[in-house]
Amino acid sequence: MQIINNHNGIWLINYTPNKIGQIQIDIFLGEKLLNNNPFKINIFDINQIHISNLTDGFVDQLVKFNIDTSKVGIGQLEIIVQDGQISCDAISRGLSQFDVIFLPHKCGLYKIEIRYNGLTIPGNSYKKTKLNLKKKNFFFFI
């Protein structure tokens, strides 16, 4: 833990947790416990999100893939397809695992952005998968 006095009445506390889950922090000024203690903080690791079963698909047929957040920690999962222009559903399979489905209506490049607690998953926009459409192909990336 690192504590920095900014000399303007504000102190900065840096702490790097070593596990996911909820932690509690008590803050003392001298020997006096400050009000509103303990502070409860949920620790999560978005690098533990796993995406699987992203396969070929067809226009006007559901595209389905899986997201596993069971080792990430407490948080909110968001999936955005084509900047929100295409509706998408994340159906819980329990134990923080989800089936994600969306319906593409035309051939083209489809962008899927996946966020957890408002943070975009690292490397998310670099994975590309080819989806087949009869004689034409379209691509999407996450």
C-alpha atoms as a PDB file:
ATOM      1  CA  MET A   1       0.000   0.000   0.000  1.00  0.00           C
ATOM      2  CA  GLN A   2       1.207   3.477  -0.843  1.00  0.00           C
ATOM      3  CA  ILE A   3      -0.073   6.620   0.931  1.00  0.00           C
ATOM      4  CA  ILE A   4       0.688  10.037  -0.562  1.00  0.00           C
ATOM      5  CA  ASN A   5      -0.008  13.371   1.134  1.00  0.00           C
ATOM      6  CA  ASN A   6      -0.810  15.982  -1.529  1.00  0.00           C
ATOM      7  CA  HIS A   7      -0.375  18.728   1.134  1.00  0.00           C
ATOM      8  CA  ASN A   8      -3.726  20.259   0.236  1.00  0.00           C
ATOM      9  CA  GLY A   9      -5.888  18.229   2.621  1.00  0.00           C
ATOM     10  CA  ILE A  10      -6.159  15.369   0.147  1.00  0.00           C
ATOM     11  CA  TRP A  11      -4.404  12.043   0.629  1.00  0.00           C
ATOM     12  CA  LEU A  12      -3.983   9.463  -2.133  1.00  0.00           C
ATOM     13  CA  ILE A  13      -3.998   5.787  -1.210  1.00  0.00           C
ATOM     14  CA  ASN A  14      -2.827   3.178  -3.748  1.00  0.00           C
ATOM     15  CA  TYR A  15      -3.520  -0.457  -3.025  1.00  0.00           C
ATOM     16  CA  THR A  16      -3.090  -3.431  -5.355  1.00  0.00           C
ATOM     17  CA  PRO A  17      -5.301  -6.347  -4.325  1.00  0.00           C
ATOM     18  CA  ASN A  18      -4.133  -9.924  -4.854  1.00  0.00           C
ATOM     19  CA  LYS A  19      -7.536 -11.624  -5.185  1.00  0.00           C
ATOM     20  CA  ILE A  20     -11.014 -10.908  -6.522  1.00  0.00           C
ATOM     21  CA  GLY A  21     -14.043 -10.420  -4.291  1.00  0.00           C
ATOM     22  CA  GLN A  22     -15.186  -7.839  -1.778  1.00  0.00           C
ATOM     23  CA  ILE A  23     -12.665  -6.204   0.527  1.00  0.00           C
ATOM     24  CA  GLN A  24     -13.191  -3.795   3.396  1.00  0.00           C
ATOM     25  CA  ILE A  25     -10.900  -0.881   4.121  1.00  0.00           C
ATOM     26  CA  ASP A  26     -10.764   0.981   7.436  1.00  0.00           C
ATOM     27  CA  ILE A  27      -9.175   4.429   7.343  1.00  0.00           C
ATOM     28  CA  PHE A  28      -7.743   6.017  10.476  1.00  0.00           C
ATOM     29  CA  LEU A  29      -6.511   9.541  11.040  1.00  0.00           C
ATOM     30  CA  GLY A  30      -4.065   9.064  13.866  1.00  0.00           C
ATOM     31  CA  GLU A  31      -5.869   6.658  16.152  1.00  0.00           C
ATOM     32  CA  LYS A  32      -9.352   7.857  15.176  1.00  0.00           C
ATOM     33  CA  LEU A  33     -11.433   5.789  12.734  1.00  0.00           C
ATOM     34  CA  LEU A  34     -12.881   8.078  10.044  1.00  0.00           C
ATOM     35  CA  ASN A  35     -16.640   8.211   9.491  1.00  0.00           C
ATOM     36  CA  ASN A  36     -18.347   5.969   6.927  1.00  0.00           C
ATOM     37  CA  ASN A  37     -15.936   3.106   7.595  1.00  0.00           C
ATOM     38  CA  PRO A  38     -15.404   0.441   6.553  1.00  0.00           C
ATOM     39  CA  PHE A  39     -15.313   1.215   2.851  1.00  0.00           C
ATOM     40  CA  LYS A  40     -16.467  -1.825   0.859  1.00  0.00           C
ATOM     41  CA  ILE A  41     -14.873  -2.336  -2.533  1.00  0.00           C
ATOM     42  CA  ASN A  42     -15.553  -5.067  -5.100  1.00  0.00           C
ATOM     43  CA  ILE A  43     -12.377  -6.273  -6.789  1.00  0.00           C
ATOM     44  CA  PHE A  44     -12.681  -7.795 -10.280  1.00  0.00           C
ATOM     45  CA  ASP A  45     -10.366  -8.896 -13.091  1.00  0.00           C
ATOM     46  CA  ILE A  46     -11.729  -8.438 -16.629  1.00  0.00           C
ATOM     47  CA  ASN A  47      -8.815 -10.475 -17.986  1.00  0.00           C
ATOM     48  CA  GLN A  48     -10.634 -13.552 -16.625  1.00  0.00           C
ATOM     49  CA  ILE A  49     -13.575 -13.175 -19.060  1.00  0.00           C
ATOM     50  CA  HIS A  50     -13.686 -16.036 -21.577  1.00  0.00           C
ATOM     51  CA  ILE A  51     -15.503 -15.868 -24.922  1.00  0.00           C
ATOM     52  CA  SER A  52     -16.170 -19.145 -26.736  1.00  0.00           C
ATOM     53  CA  ASN A  53     -18.169 -20.809 -29.525  1.00  0.00           C
ATOM     54  CA  LEU A  54     -18.048 -17.813 -31.834  1.00  0.00           C
ATOM     55  CA  THR A  55     -18.704 -19.600 -35.140  1.00  0.00           C
ATOM     56  CA  ASP A  56     -19.936 -19.013 -38.691  1.00  0.00           C
ATOM     57  CA  GLY A  57     -23.393 -17.523 -39.082  1.00  0.00           C
ATOM     58  CA  PHE A  58     -25.891 -16.427 -41.690  1.00  0.00           C
ATOM     59  CA  VAL A  59     -27.905 -13.283 -42.381  1.00  0.00           C
ATOM     60  CA  ASP A  60     -31.399 -13.477 -40.804  1.00  0.00           C
ATOM     61  CA  GLN A  61     -30.309 -16.378 -38.575  1.00  0.00           C
ATOM     62  CA  LEU A  62     -29.335 -16.003 -34.922  1.00  0.00           C
ATOM     63  CA  VAL A  63     -25.629 -15.722 -34.146  1.00  0.00           C
ATOM     64  CA  LYS A  64     -24.822 -17.271 -30.768  1.00  0.00           C
ATOM     65  CA  PHE A  65     -21.682 -17.373 -28.613  1.00  0.00           C
ATOM     66  CA  ASN A  66     -20.822 -17.858 -24.939  1.00  0.00           C
ATOM     67  CA  ILE A  67     -19.299 -15.607 -22.281  1.00  0.00           C
ATOM     68  CA  ASP A  68     -17.983 -16.959 -18.975  1.00  0.00           C
ATOM     69  CA  THR A  69     -17.531 -14.390 -16.190  1.00  0.00           C
ATOM     70  CA  SER A  70     -17.378 -16.914 -13.318  1.00  0.00           C
ATOM     71  CA  LYS A  71     -13.789 -16.033 -12.356  1.00  0.00           C
ATOM     72  CA  VAL A  72     -14.039 -12.270 -12.884  1.00  0.00           C
ATOM     73  CA  GLY A  73     -15.707 -11.020  -9.696  1.00  0.00           C
ATOM     74  CA  ILE A  74     -18.884  -9.053  -9.072  1.00  0.00           C
ATOM     75  CA  GLY A  75     -19.921  -6.767 -11.906  1.00  0.00           C
ATOM     76  CA  GLN A  76     -22.150  -5.767 -14.789  1.00  0.00           C
ATOM     77  CA  LEU A  77     -21.719  -7.362 -18.236  1.00  0.00           C
ATOM     78  CA  GLU A  78     -22.588  -5.292 -21.322  1.00  0.00           C
ATOM     79  CA  ILE A  79     -22.624  -6.486 -24.943  1.00  0.00           C
ATOM     80  CA  ILE A  80     -23.073  -3.882 -27.675  1.00  0.00           C
ATOM     81  CA  VAL A  81     -23.516  -4.904 -31.332  1.00  0.00           C
ATOM     82  CA  GLN A  82     -22.982  -2.351 -34.115  1.00  0.00           C
ATOM     83  CA  ASP A  83     -22.752   0.529 -31.613  1.00  0.00           C
ATOM     84  CA  GLY A  84     -26.199  -0.403 -30.245  1.00  0.00           C
ATOM     85  CA  GLN A  85     -27.953  -0.512 -33.634  1.00  0.00           C
ATOM     86  CA  ILE A  86     -28.627  -4.263 -33.385  1.00  0.00           C
ATOM     87  CA  SER A  87     -30.357  -5.702 -30.350  1.00  0.00           C
ATOM     88  CA  CYS A  88     -28.500  -8.372 -28.452  1.00  0.00           C
ATOM     89  CA  ASP A  89     -29.538 -10.658 -25.597  1.00  0.00           C
ATOM     90  CA  ALA A  90     -27.347 -12.243 -22.928  1.00  0.00           C
ATOM     91  CA  ILE A  91     -29.197 -15.219 -21.479  1.00  0.00           C
ATOM     92  CA  SER A  92     -27.914 -16.476 -18.151  1.00  0.00           C
ATOM     93  CA  ARG A  93     -27.037 -20.170 -17.931  1.00  0.00           C
ATOM     94  CA  GLY A  94     -26.306 -19.713 -14.210  1.00  0.00           C
ATOM     95  CA  LEU A  95     -22.966 -19.527 -12.412  1.00  0.00           C
ATOM     96  CA  SER A  96     -22.045 -16.297 -14.275  1.00  0.00           C
ATOM     97  CA  GLN A  97     -22.154 -17.931 -17.710  1.00  0.00           C
ATOM     98  CA  PHE A  98     -24.136 -16.461 -20.588  1.00  0.00           C
ATOM     99  CA  ASP A  99     -25.368 -17.340 -24.064  1.00  0.00           C
ATOM    100  CA  VAL A 100     -25.258 -14.224 -26.241  1.00  0.00           C
ATOM    101  CA  ILE A 101     -27.477 -13.973 -29.318  1.00  0.00           C
ATOM    102  CA  PHE A 102     -28.122 -11.379 -31.992  1.00  0.00           C
ATOM    103  CA  LEU A 103     -29.733 -11.366 -35.435  1.00  0.00           C
ATOM    104  CA  PRO A 104     -27.750  -9.881 -38.358  1.00  0.00           C
ATOM    105  CA  HIS A 105     -30.007  -8.565 -41.141  1.00  0.00           C
ATOM    106  CA  LYS A 106     -27.466  -7.806 -43.835  1.00  0.00           C
ATOM    107  CA  CYS A 107     -24.043  -8.760 -45.053  1.00  0.00           C
ATOM    108  CA  GLY A 108     -21.171  -6.690 -43.675  1.00  0.00           C
ATOM    109  CA  LEU A 109     -18.730  -6.100 -40.858  1.00  0.00           C
ATOM    110  CA  TYR A 110     -20.264  -6.495 -37.387  1.00  0.00           C
ATOM    111  CA  LYS A 111     -18.650  -4.905 -34.356  1.00  0.00           C
ATOM    112  CA  ILE A 112     -19.274  -6.495 -30.958  1.00  0.00           C
ATOM    113  CA  GLU A 113     -18.066  -4.573 -27.934  1.00  0.00           C
ATOM    114  CA  ILE A 114     -17.997  -6.372 -24.590  1.00  0.00           C
ATOM    115  CA  ARG A 115     -17.675  -4.395 -21.355  1.00  0.00           C
ATOM    116  CA  TYR A 116     -17.543  -5.332 -17.697  1.00  0.00           C
ATOM    117  CA  ASN A 117     -18.246  -2.677 -15.084  1.00  0.00           C
ATOM    118  CA  GLY A 118     -17.938  -0.099 -17.859  1.00  0.00           C
ATOM    119  CA  LEU A 119     -14.465  -1.268 -18.964  1.00  0.00           C
ATOM    120  CA  THR A 120     -13.912  -2.673 -22.437  1.00  0.00           C
ATOM    121  CA  ILE A 121     -12.321  -6.118 -22.413  1.00  0.00           C
ATOM    122  CA  PRO A 122      -8.618  -5.811 -23.402  1.00  0.00           C
ATOM    123  CA  GLY A 123      -7.854  -6.955 -26.960  1.00  0.00           C
ATOM    124  CA  ASN A 124     -11.581  -7.055 -27.635  1.00  0.00           C
ATOM    125  CA  SER A 125     -11.490  -5.346 -31.032  1.00  0.00           C
ATOM    126  CA  TYR A 126      -8.652  -7.422 -32.466  1.00  0.00           C
ATOM    127  CA  LYS A 127     -10.323 -10.823 -32.696  1.00  0.00           C
ATOM    128  CA  LYS A 128     -11.956 -11.485 -36.061  1.00  0.00           C
ATOM    129  CA  THR A 129     -14.301 -14.255 -37.076  1.00  0.00           C
ATOM    130  CA  LYS A 130     -15.616 -14.960 -40.543  1.00  0.00           C
ATOM    131  CA  LEU A 131     -19.351 -15.576 -40.882  1.00  0.00           C
ATOM    132  CA  ASN A 132     -20.677 -17.271 -44.030  1.00  0.00           C
ATOM    133  CA  LEU A 133     -23.689 -16.055 -45.990  1.00  0.00           C
ATOM    134  CA  LYS A 134     -24.519 -18.582 -48.735  1.00  0.00           C
ATOM    135  CA  LYS A 135     -22.235 -17.364 -51.565  1.00  0.00           C
ATOM    136  CA  LYS A 136     -21.227 -14.126 -49.829  1.00  0.00           C
ATOM    137  CA  ASN A 137     -19.264 -13.702 -46.648  1.00  0.00           C
ATOM    138  CA  PHE A 138     -19.535 -11.130 -43.937  1.00  0.00           C
ATOM    139  CA  PHE A 139     -17.182 -10.537 -41.069  1.00  0.00           C
ATOM    140  CA  PHE A 140     -17.578  -9.301 -37.572  1.00  0.00           C
ATOM    141  CA  PHE A 141     -15.064  -8.503 -34.899  1.00  0.00           C
ATOM    142  CA  ILE A 142     -15.201  -8.301 -31.159  1.00  0.00           C
END
